[in-house]
Amino acid sequence: MLRRIYGVETEYGITFSLRGQRRLSPDEVSRFLFRKVVAWGRSSNVFLENGSRLYLDVGSHPEYATAECDTLVDLVAQDKAGEAILRELVGYAQSQLAEEGIRGDIYLFKNNTDSTGNSYGCHENYCIERIEDLSRLESVFIPFLISRQIFAGAGKVVTNARGTTYAMSQRAEHIWESISSATTRSRPIINTRDEPHADPEKFRRLHVIVGDSNMNEFATYLKVGTAAVVLAMIEDRHTLLRDYQMASPINALRDISYDLWSKEPVKLVNGRDLTALEIQEDLCERAQLFVETHDVPEDQRHVVGLWREVIELYRTDPMALSDRVDWIAKLQIIERERERHGVDLADPRVGLIDLLYHDTNVERGLFYRRAARGHVRTVVTPEQVFEATSTPPATTRAHMRGTFIRAAKRPSPAPRSYNGPMFDLSPLKILIILAVIMLVMGPDKLPEVAQRLGAGWRALKGIQQRVESEVREAIPDLPTASEIARLARSPVSLLNQLADRVAAPGPDEEPTPSSATAAAPDDDVPLLAPDIRPSPPPPSAADWGSAPDPSLN
């Protein structure tokens, strides 16, 4: 597939505490976080102007799904835009809490585990060619995903039966199958839920849920880009690929996560033993040949070169990747803290570093403090991220969705007064109109025409009221008639009055309520709140800095 569509869904962890003590439950703080969303979207599950989707997932986790992208730069910008949008919501929620006298701070983490052992994911979605036989995915793509931890892991201090140790991946301990339709009960590496959102005869959706949430945009760029290239090789039946199928994929996933420097091989079904580094090297070599001999997008050609660069550095000087690989950057901070204070991995200060690395607050989070000092390699500029908070990718269907949402949120024009030109009829004009009607219909037909018009209009009103009643039973959150009238005034209310006057009910008829008698709109209820859009970025990343922290030097 020459042009591939992909996207990323990220669940965030959230807490609210004062001096280390939790003040509100995740559900309570999430309600404050989504107040601004519900105010204009009337739901906690909405599409945004940039084509993305923002919603509150199971477990009160804010989740942001990027718009569909067909370039890696768009994807990275969209992913970082999600952080920026949620930061803006955190700021708004923080002010609301302060107004209500609730002291404390909201912490929003882009990680994958909480303190009680629960896991939440970062899911990747790829549009792939319709493949009914998943054997090539099992023999090539799953081993690729298992071994890519060496550059895609977010890092985690893990305490289990092995004691307290450091692992490359946060998700490795929470995956139980290779391929299945489950997502929470028994998480697989690949979820088989087939929602192509395209021609189902030609395409299917590949849903990868094994990945970690990356703070470093280079890691996001690399993990999605390399996956796209590997999928292109799998789809191309003329490309020869080795069978890397592992004898025990889930055990291999965890073993590789703990084997930081890729020293221990994993056993393959064919009897061979390969390390994670060797699997990545072999796939990278084949990818280099593939992009040289096939017409692939330029960014995928570029990502293969970066893939080779990372593999070489990982083999010779892995700590030099601290500016590109999250688990290595975090390990570097932890090791310096341990050396400075003589503590072990189980020390609470180490656990705090493990958590604060993922804090999305640019002044407090350890990742962003490293970025402010130039210790992080970037892919997109702050200006590109800011633009992505409100602008969808121009080359996918997300563009139409974002354009529609923007139009729907645009304030309506001022309602037209019935005293305006359309209904500014002088007595002379009315006489002329009546004269024309009499000439066409005859003077004796005028009362009959007026009566039929009124009766027909009353019948239409009855149908409208019945339909509205049924719709309101199905959709309780539907705006009231007064709210709709405030946004879309029209000549209908004038016709209502005309019908009621011309065709008044007889003595044996029950009067039909008129929509013109609806309650006056409540001007205090906003239908369209201001856009959820972060403030413009600072001139440079250096302005993000805060008080010096010796552990980051």
Protein backbone atom coordinates (compact mmCIF):
# COMPACT_ATOMS: atom_id res chain seq x y z
CA MET A 1 0.00 0.00 0.00
CA LEU A 2 1.67 3.20 -1.18
CA ARG A 3 -0.47 5.55 0.91
CA ARG A 4 -1.33 4.32 4.37
CA ILE A 5 -3.73 5.90 6.86
CA TYR A 6 -2.87 5.65 10.55
CA GLY A 7 -3.68 7.17 13.91
CA VAL A 8 -2.97 6.88 17.62
CA GLU A 9 -5.32 6.69 20.60
CA THR A 10 -3.88 7.70 23.98
CA GLU A 11 -5.45 7.19 27.39
CA TYR A 12 -4.19 9.51 30.12
CA GLY A 13 -3.91 8.96 33.85
CA ILE A 14 -5.38 11.66 36.07
CA THR A 15 -5.32 12.45 39.80
CA PHE A 16 -5.96 15.40 42.10
CA SER A 17 -3.92 15.81 45.26
CA LEU A 18 -2.81 18.29 47.90
CA ARG A 19 0.65 17.78 49.41
CA GLY A 20 0.67 14.15 48.27
CA GLN A 21 -2.82 13.30 49.58
CA ARG A 22 -5.53 12.52 47.05
CA ARG A 23 -8.47 14.92 47.43
CA LEU A 24 -10.82 13.79 44.65
CA SER A 25 -11.40 10.49 42.89
CA PRO A 26 -10.44 10.18 39.20
CA ASP A 27 -14.14 10.22 38.33
CA GLU A 28 -14.71 13.47 40.23
CA VAL A 29 -11.71 15.27 38.79
CA SER A 30 -12.56 14.05 35.28
CA ARG A 31 -15.99 15.66 35.62
CA PHE A 32 -14.29 18.99 36.27
CA LEU A 33 -11.90 18.35 33.38
CA PHE A 34 -14.75 17.76 30.91
CA ARG A 35 -17.03 20.59 32.06
CA LYS A 36 -15.85 22.82 29.24
CA VAL A 37 -16.29 20.00 26.72
CA VAL A 38 -19.82 19.17 27.85
CA ALA A 39 -20.76 22.88 27.89
CA TRP A 40 -20.41 23.17 24.11
CA GLY A 41 -20.56 19.55 22.96
CA ARG A 42 -23.39 18.41 25.29
CA SER A 43 -21.43 15.18 25.73
CA SER A 44 -18.16 13.88 27.10
CA ASN A 45 -17.53 12.21 23.74
CA VAL A 46 -16.90 14.78 21.01
CA PHE A 47 -15.07 15.44 17.77
CA LEU A 48 -12.83 18.50 17.68
CA GLU A 49 -12.00 21.03 14.98
CA ASN A 50 -8.69 19.32 14.24
CA GLY A 51 -10.55 16.13 13.27
CA SER A 52 -9.61 14.29 16.46
CA ARG A 53 -11.89 12.68 19.02
CA LEU A 54 -11.86 13.46 22.75
CA TYR A 55 -13.79 11.39 25.23
CA LEU A 56 -13.88 9.98 28.75
CA ASP A 57 -13.01 6.30 28.60
CA VAL A 58 -13.75 3.45 31.01
CA GLY A 59 -12.11 4.05 34.37
CA SER A 60 -12.40 7.86 34.06
CA HIS A 61 -9.40 8.05 31.75
CA PRO A 62 -9.40 11.02 29.37
CA GLU A 63 -8.70 9.61 25.91
CA TYR A 64 -7.59 11.47 22.82
CA ALA A 65 -7.66 9.84 19.39
CA THR A 66 -5.77 11.66 16.67
CA ALA A 67 -7.36 12.41 13.34
CA GLU A 68 -6.59 10.06 10.48
CA CYS A 69 -3.14 10.91 9.11
CA ASP A 70 -1.19 9.85 6.04
CA THR A 71 2.13 11.49 6.96
CA LEU A 72 4.26 10.89 10.02
CA VAL A 73 4.74 14.59 10.74
CA ASP A 74 0.97 15.11 10.79
CA LEU A 75 0.62 12.18 13.19
CA VAL A 76 3.26 13.49 15.61
CA ALA A 77 1.80 17.00 15.51
CA GLN A 78 -1.69 15.61 16.15
CA ASP A 79 -0.45 13.49 19.06
CA LYS A 80 1.29 16.45 20.69
CA ALA A 81 -1.77 18.61 19.99
CA GLY A 82 -3.73 16.17 22.16
CA GLU A 83 -1.42 16.92 25.08
CA ALA A 84 -1.81 20.66 24.48
CA ILE A 85 -5.62 20.45 24.33
CA LEU A 86 -5.79 18.44 27.55
CA ARG A 87 -3.39 20.85 29.25
CA GLU A 88 -5.79 23.66 28.38
CA LEU A 89 -8.66 21.69 29.91
CA VAL A 90 -6.59 21.04 33.03
CA GLY A 91 -6.01 24.78 33.42
CA TYR A 92 -9.73 25.47 33.09
CA ALA A 93 -10.65 22.71 35.55
CA GLN A 94 -8.04 23.97 38.01
CA SER A 95 -9.64 27.42 37.99
CA GLN A 96 -13.11 25.91 38.50
CA LEU A 97 -11.88 23.92 41.50
CA ALA A 98 -10.30 27.05 42.98
CA GLU A 99 -13.56 28.96 42.57
CA GLU A 100 -15.36 26.24 44.50
CA GLY A 101 -12.76 26.36 47.27
CA ILE A 102 -11.25 22.95 46.55
CA ARG A 103 -7.50 23.13 47.10
CA GLY A 104 -5.03 20.91 45.32
CA ASP A 105 -3.44 20.25 41.93
CA ILE A 106 -4.55 18.21 38.93
CA TYR A 107 -1.90 15.85 37.54
CA LEU A 108 -2.35 14.52 34.03
CA PHE A 109 0.06 11.72 33.10
CA LYS A 110 0.81 10.34 29.67
CA ASN A 111 1.79 6.91 30.92
CA ASN A 112 0.30 3.41 31.00
CA THR A 113 0.02 2.23 34.61
CA ASP A 114 -1.22 3.58 37.91
CA SER A 115 -0.11 2.95 41.49
CA THR A 116 -2.61 0.11 41.98
CA GLY A 117 -1.40 -1.91 38.99
CA ASN A 118 -4.10 -0.94 36.50
CA SER A 119 -3.02 -0.41 32.92
CA TYR A 120 -4.37 1.90 30.21
CA GLY A 121 -3.15 1.96 26.70
CA CYS A 122 -1.73 3.70 23.70
CA HIS A 123 -3.33 2.09 20.67
CA GLU A 124 -2.10 2.36 17.10
CA ASN A 125 -4.41 1.98 14.13
CA TYR A 126 -3.24 1.13 10.61
CA CYS A 127 -5.33 0.77 7.48
CA ILE A 128 -4.00 -2.35 5.76
CA GLU A 129 -4.95 -4.40 2.75
CA ARG A 130 -7.62 -7.04 3.35
CA ILE A 131 -5.71 -10.02 4.77
CA GLU A 132 -7.75 -13.04 5.78
CA ASP A 133 -4.72 -15.21 6.51
CA LEU A 134 -3.03 -13.62 9.53
CA SER A 135 -0.05 -15.99 9.46
CA ARG A 136 2.31 -13.36 8.01
CA LEU A 137 1.33 -11.02 10.80
CA GLU A 138 2.11 -13.72 13.36
CA SER A 139 5.44 -14.65 11.80
CA VAL A 140 6.71 -11.12 11.06
CA PHE A 141 4.69 -8.25 12.50
CA ILE A 142 4.17 -9.57 16.04
CA PRO A 143 7.91 -10.35 16.47
CA PHE A 144 8.62 -6.84 15.18
CA LEU A 145 6.25 -5.34 17.79
CA ILE A 146 7.74 -7.45 20.59
CA SER A 147 11.33 -6.54 19.75
CA ARG A 148 10.78 -2.83 18.97
CA GLN A 149 10.74 -2.14 22.72
CA ILE A 150 14.41 -1.28 22.41
CA PHE A 151 13.41 2.09 20.93
CA ALA A 152 9.66 2.39 21.62
CA GLY A 153 9.43 1.54 25.33
CA ALA A 154 8.52 4.23 27.86
CA GLY A 155 10.35 2.59 30.80
CA LYS A 156 8.99 1.46 34.16
CA VAL A 157 10.22 0.56 37.65
CA VAL A 158 8.53 -2.79 38.24
CA THR A 159 8.12 -4.68 41.50
CA ASN A 160 7.10 -8.31 41.19
CA ALA A 161 8.31 -11.81 42.08
CA ARG A 162 11.71 -10.90 40.63
CA GLY A 163 12.01 -8.03 43.09
CA THR A 164 12.24 -4.39 42.03
CA THR A 165 13.80 -3.90 38.63
CA TYR A 166 13.69 -1.59 35.64
CA ALA A 167 11.93 -2.59 32.43
CA MET A 168 11.80 -1.09 28.94
CA SER A 169 8.03 -1.35 28.56
CA GLN A 170 5.11 -0.33 30.75
CA ARG A 171 2.62 -2.52 28.87
CA ALA A 172 4.60 -5.77 28.67
CA GLU A 173 3.34 -7.03 32.04
CA HIS A 174 -0.28 -6.45 31.03
CA ILE A 175 -0.45 -8.31 27.70
CA TRP A 176 -1.67 -11.92 27.69
CA GLU A 177 -2.27 -13.02 24.09
CA SER A 178 -0.82 -12.53 20.63
CA ILE A 179 -4.03 -11.99 18.64
CA SER A 180 -7.59 -11.83 19.93
CA SER A 181 -10.74 -9.71 19.94
CA ALA A 182 -10.40 -8.75 23.63
CA THR A 183 -9.14 -5.36 24.81
CA THR A 184 -9.45 -5.33 28.61
CA ARG A 185 -10.27 -8.84 29.83
CA SER A 186 -7.28 -10.54 28.18
CA ARG A 187 -5.27 -7.92 26.33
CA PRO A 188 -3.60 -9.07 23.10
CA ILE A 189 -0.72 -7.61 21.14
CA ILE A 190 -3.06 -7.18 18.15
CA ASN A 191 -6.80 -6.74 18.51
CA THR A 192 -8.77 -8.30 15.65
CA ARG A 193 -11.79 -5.99 15.85
CA ASP A 194 -12.29 -5.37 12.15
CA GLU A 195 -13.54 -1.80 11.63
CA PRO A 196 -11.98 -0.70 8.33
CA HIS A 197 -13.90 2.62 8.00
CA ALA A 198 -13.20 2.06 4.30
CA ASP A 199 -14.17 -0.41 1.58
CA PRO A 200 -14.33 -3.68 3.61
CA GLU A 201 -13.66 -5.73 0.48
CA LYS A 202 -10.23 -4.11 0.13
CA PHE A 203 -9.14 -2.94 3.57
CA ARG A 204 -9.17 -3.80 7.22
CA ARG A 205 -8.18 -1.96 10.38
CA LEU A 206 -5.16 -3.27 12.26
CA HIS A 207 -5.51 -2.34 15.94
CA VAL A 208 -2.22 -2.59 17.88
CA ILE A 209 -2.60 -2.27 21.65
CA VAL A 210 0.77 -3.44 22.93
CA GLY A 211 2.52 -0.07 22.65
CA ASP A 212 3.57 2.39 25.35
CA SER A 213 2.60 6.07 25.41
CA ASN A 214 5.65 8.02 24.31
CA MET A 215 6.56 11.46 25.60
CA ASN A 216 9.35 11.77 23.05
CA GLU A 217 7.94 12.64 19.64
CA PHE A 218 10.94 11.03 17.92
CA ALA A 219 9.93 7.68 19.45
CA THR A 220 6.36 8.12 18.17
CA TYR A 221 7.65 9.02 14.72
CA LEU A 222 9.94 5.98 14.68
CA LYS A 223 7.53 3.37 16.06
CA VAL A 224 4.68 4.26 13.69
CA GLY A 225 6.94 4.81 10.69
CA THR A 226 8.80 1.53 11.06
CA ALA A 227 5.51 -0.32 11.58
CA ALA A 228 4.16 1.17 8.35
CA VAL A 229 7.22 -0.01 6.42
CA VAL A 230 7.07 -3.53 7.89
CA LEU A 231 3.37 -3.74 6.98
CA ALA A 232 4.20 -2.64 3.42
CA MET A 233 6.72 -5.49 3.17
CA ILE A 234 4.16 -7.97 4.51
CA GLU A 235 1.54 -6.81 1.98
CA ASP A 236 4.02 -7.13 -0.88
CA ARG A 237 3.94 -10.84 -1.68
CA HIS A 238 7.17 -10.61 -3.66
CA THR A 239 9.23 -9.47 -0.66
CA LEU A 240 10.93 -12.39 1.06
CA LEU A 241 10.80 -12.21 4.84
CA ARG A 242 12.12 -14.56 7.44
CA ASP A 243 9.84 -16.42 9.82
CA TYR A 244 10.49 -14.79 13.20
CA GLN A 245 7.55 -16.44 14.95
CA MET A 246 8.41 -16.91 18.61
CA ALA A 247 7.80 -20.10 20.53
CA SER A 248 6.20 -18.14 23.37
CA PRO A 249 5.42 -14.57 22.27
CA ILE A 250 4.10 -13.35 25.64
CA ASN A 251 7.07 -14.70 27.58
CA ALA A 252 9.36 -13.17 24.95
CA LEU A 253 7.59 -9.81 25.32
CA ARG A 254 8.34 -9.74 29.05
CA ASP A 255 11.82 -11.21 28.83
CA ILE A 256 12.88 -8.61 26.27
CA SER A 257 11.40 -5.84 28.42
CA TYR A 258 13.74 -6.79 31.29
CA ASP A 259 16.74 -7.47 29.04
CA LEU A 260 17.75 -3.81 28.70
CA TRP A 261 20.82 -4.36 26.56
CA SER A 262 19.47 -7.24 24.43
CA LYS A 263 21.88 -9.91 25.63
CA GLU A 264 19.48 -12.86 26.01
CA PRO A 265 18.05 -14.54 22.89
CA VAL A 266 14.46 -15.71 22.58
CA LYS A 267 13.52 -19.03 21.06
CA LEU A 268 11.72 -19.10 17.71
CA VAL A 269 9.30 -21.76 16.46
CA ASN A 270 11.81 -22.82 13.79
CA GLY A 271 14.37 -23.64 16.49
CA ARG A 272 16.58 -20.59 16.03
CA ASP A 273 17.51 -18.21 18.85
CA LEU A 274 17.59 -14.44 18.20
CA THR A 275 17.89 -11.40 20.43
CA ALA A 276 15.56 -8.42 20.06
CA LEU A 277 18.43 -6.44 18.54
CA GLU A 278 19.11 -9.17 15.96
CA ILE A 279 15.44 -9.28 14.92
CA GLN A 280 15.39 -5.51 14.51
CA GLU A 281 18.67 -5.50 12.57
CA ASP A 282 17.45 -8.14 10.14
CA LEU A 283 14.13 -6.40 9.55
CA CYS A 284 15.86 -3.04 9.12
CA GLU A 285 18.22 -4.46 6.47
CA ARG A 286 15.27 -5.85 4.52
CA ALA A 287 13.43 -2.53 4.91
CA GLN A 288 16.41 -0.65 3.47
CA LEU A 289 16.38 -2.87 0.38
CA PHE A 290 12.60 -2.54 0.14
CA VAL A 291 12.52 1.29 0.12
CA GLU A 292 15.34 1.36 -2.45
CA THR A 293 13.40 -0.85 -4.87
CA HIS A 294 9.81 0.26 -4.24
CA ASP A 295 7.86 3.47 -4.55
CA VAL A 296 7.20 4.38 -0.91
CA PRO A 297 6.35 7.74 0.72
CA GLU A 298 9.39 9.91 1.40
CA ASP A 299 8.81 10.02 5.16
CA GLN A 300 8.88 6.22 5.32
CA ARG A 301 12.14 6.23 3.37
CA HIS A 302 13.45 8.74 5.91
CA VAL A 303 12.31 6.69 8.89
CA VAL A 304 14.24 3.64 7.70
CA GLY A 305 17.45 5.69 7.82
CA LEU A 306 16.63 6.77 11.39
CA TRP A 307 15.87 3.16 12.26
CA ARG A 308 19.36 2.12 11.15
CA GLU A 309 20.91 5.02 13.10
CA VAL A 310 19.11 4.03 16.31
CA ILE A 311 20.05 0.36 15.97
CA GLU A 312 23.73 1.22 15.53
CA LEU A 313 23.74 3.52 18.56
CA TYR A 314 21.86 0.96 20.66
CA ARG A 315 24.53 -1.59 19.85
CA THR A 316 27.54 0.66 20.53
CA ASP A 317 26.44 3.41 22.96
CA PRO A 318 22.83 2.97 24.08
CA MET A 319 22.82 5.85 26.60
CA ALA A 320 23.49 8.22 23.69
CA LEU A 321 19.85 7.59 22.73
CA SER A 322 18.57 9.42 25.82
CA ASP A 323 17.47 12.31 23.60
CA ARG A 324 15.28 10.00 21.46
CA VAL A 325 14.20 6.98 23.52
CA ASP A 326 11.98 7.44 26.57
CA TRP A 327 13.06 4.42 28.60
CA ILE A 328 16.72 5.36 28.24
CA ALA A 329 16.10 9.01 29.16
CA LYS A 330 14.20 8.00 32.28
CA LEU A 331 16.85 5.43 33.23
CA GLN A 332 19.52 8.12 32.94
CA ILE A 333 17.64 10.40 35.38
CA ILE A 334 17.02 7.52 37.80
CA GLU A 335 20.65 6.36 37.78
CA ARG A 336 21.92 9.86 38.50
CA GLU A 337 19.49 10.19 41.40
CA ARG A 338 20.57 6.83 42.81
CA GLU A 339 24.23 7.74 42.47
CA ARG A 340 23.74 11.13 44.11
CA HIS A 341 21.74 9.87 47.10
CA GLY A 342 22.86 6.24 47.33
CA VAL A 343 19.34 4.78 47.07
CA ASP A 344 18.03 1.63 45.41
CA LEU A 345 15.28 1.23 42.83
CA ALA A 346 12.62 0.68 45.50
CA ASP A 347 13.22 4.12 47.02
CA PRO A 348 10.13 6.43 46.87
CA ARG A 349 12.23 9.13 45.18
CA VAL A 350 12.86 6.77 42.28
CA GLY A 351 9.16 6.00 42.06
CA LEU A 352 8.42 9.72 41.92
CA ILE A 353 10.86 10.18 39.03
CA ASP A 354 9.22 7.25 37.26
CA LEU A 355 5.87 9.03 37.50
CA LEU A 356 6.85 12.69 36.99
CA TYR A 357 8.66 11.88 33.76
CA HIS A 358 5.17 11.50 32.25
CA ASP A 359 3.62 14.63 33.79
CA THR A 360 2.20 16.67 30.90
CA ASN A 361 2.69 19.95 32.79
CA VAL A 362 5.52 21.67 30.88
CA GLU A 363 6.91 23.35 34.02
CA ARG A 364 6.65 20.35 36.33
CA GLY A 365 7.11 17.28 34.11
CA LEU A 366 10.64 15.88 33.95
CA PHE A 367 10.44 15.18 30.22
CA TYR A 368 9.52 18.78 29.43
CA ARG A 369 12.19 20.13 31.74
CA ARG A 370 14.73 18.09 29.80
CA ALA A 371 13.25 19.44 26.57
CA ALA A 372 13.60 23.01 27.85
CA ARG A 373 17.32 22.41 28.27
CA GLY A 374 17.76 21.04 24.76
CA HIS A 375 18.15 17.40 25.83
CA VAL A 376 15.35 16.09 23.58
CA ARG A 377 15.34 15.53 19.85
CA THR A 378 12.17 16.86 18.24
CA VAL A 379 10.29 16.21 15.01
CA VAL A 380 7.79 19.08 14.91
CA THR A 381 7.94 22.70 16.06
CA PRO A 382 5.74 24.28 18.77
CA GLU A 383 4.07 26.26 15.99
CA GLN A 384 3.15 23.05 14.15
CA VAL A 385 1.70 21.59 17.34
CA PHE A 386 -0.33 24.74 17.96
CA GLU A 387 -1.64 24.67 14.40
CA ALA A 388 -2.61 21.01 14.82
CA THR A 389 -4.83 21.84 17.81
CA SER A 390 -7.38 23.38 15.46
CA THR A 391 -6.46 22.27 11.93
CA PRO A 392 -7.04 18.70 10.66
CA PRO A 393 -4.70 16.94 8.23
CA ALA A 394 -5.52 18.29 4.77
CA THR A 395 -5.23 15.00 2.88
CA THR A 396 -7.55 12.63 4.77
CA ARG A 397 -11.27 12.56 5.50
CA ALA A 398 -10.48 14.21 8.84
CA HIS A 399 -10.33 17.48 6.89
CA MET A 400 -14.04 17.30 6.07
CA ARG A 401 -14.92 16.31 9.63
CA GLY A 402 -12.90 19.15 11.12
CA THR A 403 -14.40 21.64 8.66
CA PHE A 404 -17.89 20.50 9.59
CA ILE A 405 -17.20 20.80 13.34
CA ARG A 406 -15.75 24.28 12.86
CA ALA A 407 -18.81 25.36 10.89
CA ALA A 408 -21.15 23.89 13.48
CA LYS A 409 -19.39 25.79 16.26
CA ARG A 410 -19.43 29.10 14.41
CA PRO A 411 -21.76 31.59 16.13
CA SER A 412 -25.05 32.01 14.29
CA PRO A 413 -25.82 35.36 12.65
CA ALA A 414 -28.05 37.77 14.52
CA PRO A 415 -31.71 36.75 14.20
CA ARG A 416 -33.60 38.64 11.50
CA SER A 417 -36.32 40.92 12.79
CA TYR A 418 -39.78 40.51 11.33
CA ASN A 419 -39.86 44.30 10.95
CA GLY A 420 -37.04 44.03 8.43
CA PRO A 421 -37.34 44.32 4.64
CA MET A 422 -38.72 40.80 4.18
CA PHE A 423 -41.89 41.60 6.10
CA ASP A 424 -42.03 45.37 5.71
CA LEU A 425 -45.34 45.30 3.80
CA SER A 426 -47.19 48.59 3.53
CA PRO A 427 -51.02 48.63 3.29
CA LEU A 428 -50.69 49.40 -0.44
CA LYS A 429 -48.49 46.32 -1.01
CA ILE A 430 -50.98 44.13 0.88
CA LEU A 431 -53.85 45.41 -1.28
CA ILE A 432 -51.85 44.65 -4.44
CA ILE A 433 -51.14 41.09 -3.25
CA LEU A 434 -54.81 40.50 -2.41
CA ALA A 435 -55.81 41.89 -5.81
CA VAL A 436 -53.50 39.44 -7.58
CA ILE A 437 -54.89 36.51 -5.57
CA MET A 438 -58.46 37.51 -6.40
CA LEU A 439 -57.61 37.82 -10.10
CA VAL A 440 -56.10 34.30 -10.11
CA MET A 441 -58.47 32.46 -7.75
CA GLY A 442 -61.59 34.58 -7.85
CA PRO A 443 -62.95 36.64 -4.95
CA ASP A 444 -65.28 33.87 -3.75
CA LYS A 445 -62.33 31.46 -3.30
CA LEU A 446 -60.26 33.68 -1.01
CA PRO A 447 -61.84 32.62 2.34
CA GLU A 448 -61.71 28.94 1.30
CA VAL A 449 -57.99 29.15 0.35
CA ALA A 450 -57.12 30.85 3.65
CA GLN A 451 -59.06 28.23 5.63
CA ARG A 452 -57.34 25.32 3.83
CA LEU A 453 -53.93 26.88 4.31
CA GLY A 454 -54.56 27.23 8.04
CA ALA A 455 -55.88 23.67 8.38
CA GLY A 456 -52.90 22.23 6.48
CA TRP A 457 -50.46 24.17 8.58
CA ARG A 458 -52.12 22.97 11.79
CA ALA A 459 -51.83 19.35 10.60
CA LEU A 460 -48.12 19.80 9.91
CA LYS A 461 -47.66 21.25 13.39
CA GLY A 462 -49.30 18.19 14.93
CA ILE A 463 -46.94 15.86 13.05
CA GLN A 464 -43.96 17.96 14.11
CA GLN A 465 -44.95 17.79 17.78
CA ARG A 466 -45.39 14.00 17.68
CA VAL A 467 -42.01 13.50 16.01
CA GLU A 468 -40.33 15.90 18.43
CA SER A 469 -41.82 14.01 21.39
CA GLU A 470 -40.51 10.67 20.09
CA VAL A 471 -37.05 12.12 19.38
CA ARG A 472 -36.84 13.67 22.86
CA GLU A 473 -37.66 10.29 24.44
CA ALA A 474 -34.79 8.70 22.48
CA ILE A 475 -32.34 11.61 22.90
CA PRO A 476 -32.88 13.29 26.29
CA ASP A 477 -30.01 15.74 25.70
CA LEU A 478 -31.65 17.31 22.64
CA PRO A 479 -31.76 21.14 22.93
CA THR A 480 -35.09 22.61 23.92
CA ALA A 481 -37.34 24.37 21.42
CA SER A 482 -36.46 27.72 22.96
CA GLU A 483 -32.75 27.07 22.52
CA ILE A 484 -33.21 26.00 18.91
CA ALA A 485 -35.35 29.06 18.24
CA ARG A 486 -32.63 31.30 19.57
CA LEU A 487 -30.20 29.91 16.97
CA ALA A 488 -32.54 29.55 14.03
CA ARG A 489 -35.39 32.04 13.93
CA SER A 490 -37.46 31.87 10.74
CA PRO A 491 -40.81 32.90 9.24
CA VAL A 492 -42.30 29.71 10.72
CA SER A 493 -43.50 31.47 13.86
CA LEU A 494 -45.30 34.08 11.72
CA LEU A 495 -47.04 31.30 9.81
CA ASN A 496 -48.00 29.70 13.14
CA GLN A 497 -49.75 32.88 14.18
CA LEU A 498 -51.43 33.22 10.77
CA ALA A 499 -52.69 29.62 10.92
CA ASP A 500 -54.07 30.08 14.43
CA ARG A 501 -55.96 33.23 13.40
CA VAL A 502 -57.26 32.12 10.02
CA ALA A 503 -58.18 28.54 10.95
CA ALA A 504 -59.30 28.78 14.56
CA PRO A 505 -60.76 25.50 15.90
CA GLY A 506 -64.52 25.06 15.81
CA PRO A 507 -66.62 24.75 18.95
CA ASP A 508 -66.28 20.93 18.99
CA GLU A 509 -62.51 20.83 18.34
CA GLU A 510 -59.71 20.72 20.88
CA PRO A 511 -57.28 23.62 20.40
CA THR A 512 -53.82 22.58 19.15
CA PRO A 513 -50.89 24.11 21.05
CA SER A 514 -48.76 26.35 18.88
CA SER A 515 -44.99 26.24 18.89
CA ALA A 516 -45.16 30.00 18.83
CA THR A 517 -46.18 29.87 22.49
CA ALA A 518 -42.90 28.18 23.55
CA ALA A 519 -41.07 29.65 26.49
CA ALA A 520 -38.72 32.49 25.78
CA PRO A 521 -35.09 31.39 25.30
CA ASP A 522 -32.89 31.37 28.34
CA ASP A 523 -30.03 33.70 27.39
CA ASP A 524 -27.97 32.45 30.33
CA VAL A 525 -27.51 28.95 28.84
CA PRO A 526 -24.66 29.00 26.32
CA LEU A 527 -25.11 26.71 23.33
CA LEU A 528 -21.67 27.24 21.90
CA ALA A 529 -18.86 27.75 24.36
CA PRO A 530 -15.47 29.18 23.33
CA ASP A 531 -13.16 26.87 21.42
CA ILE A 532 -11.00 24.43 23.28
CA ARG A 533 -7.72 25.63 21.95
CA PRO A 534 -4.43 26.19 23.76
CA SER A 535 -2.68 29.51 23.83
CA PRO A 536 -0.04 30.12 21.14
CA PRO A 537 3.33 28.45 21.80
CA PRO A 538 6.23 30.31 23.37
CA PRO A 539 8.91 31.68 21.05
CA SER A 540 11.27 28.85 21.92
CA ALA A 541 11.42 25.72 24.01
CA ALA A 542 13.99 27.35 26.27
CA ASP A 543 11.25 29.53 27.76
CA TRP A 544 9.58 26.44 29.27
CA GLY A 545 12.26 26.08 31.93
CA SER A 546 11.72 26.25 35.66
CA ALA A 547 13.96 26.16 38.71
CA PRO A 548 17.14 24.13 38.13
CA ASP A 549 17.00 20.47 39.06
CA PRO A 550 20.42 18.87 39.50
CA SER A 551 18.99 15.44 38.69
CA LEU A 552 18.38 16.56 35.10
CA ASN A 553 21.82 17.98 34.38
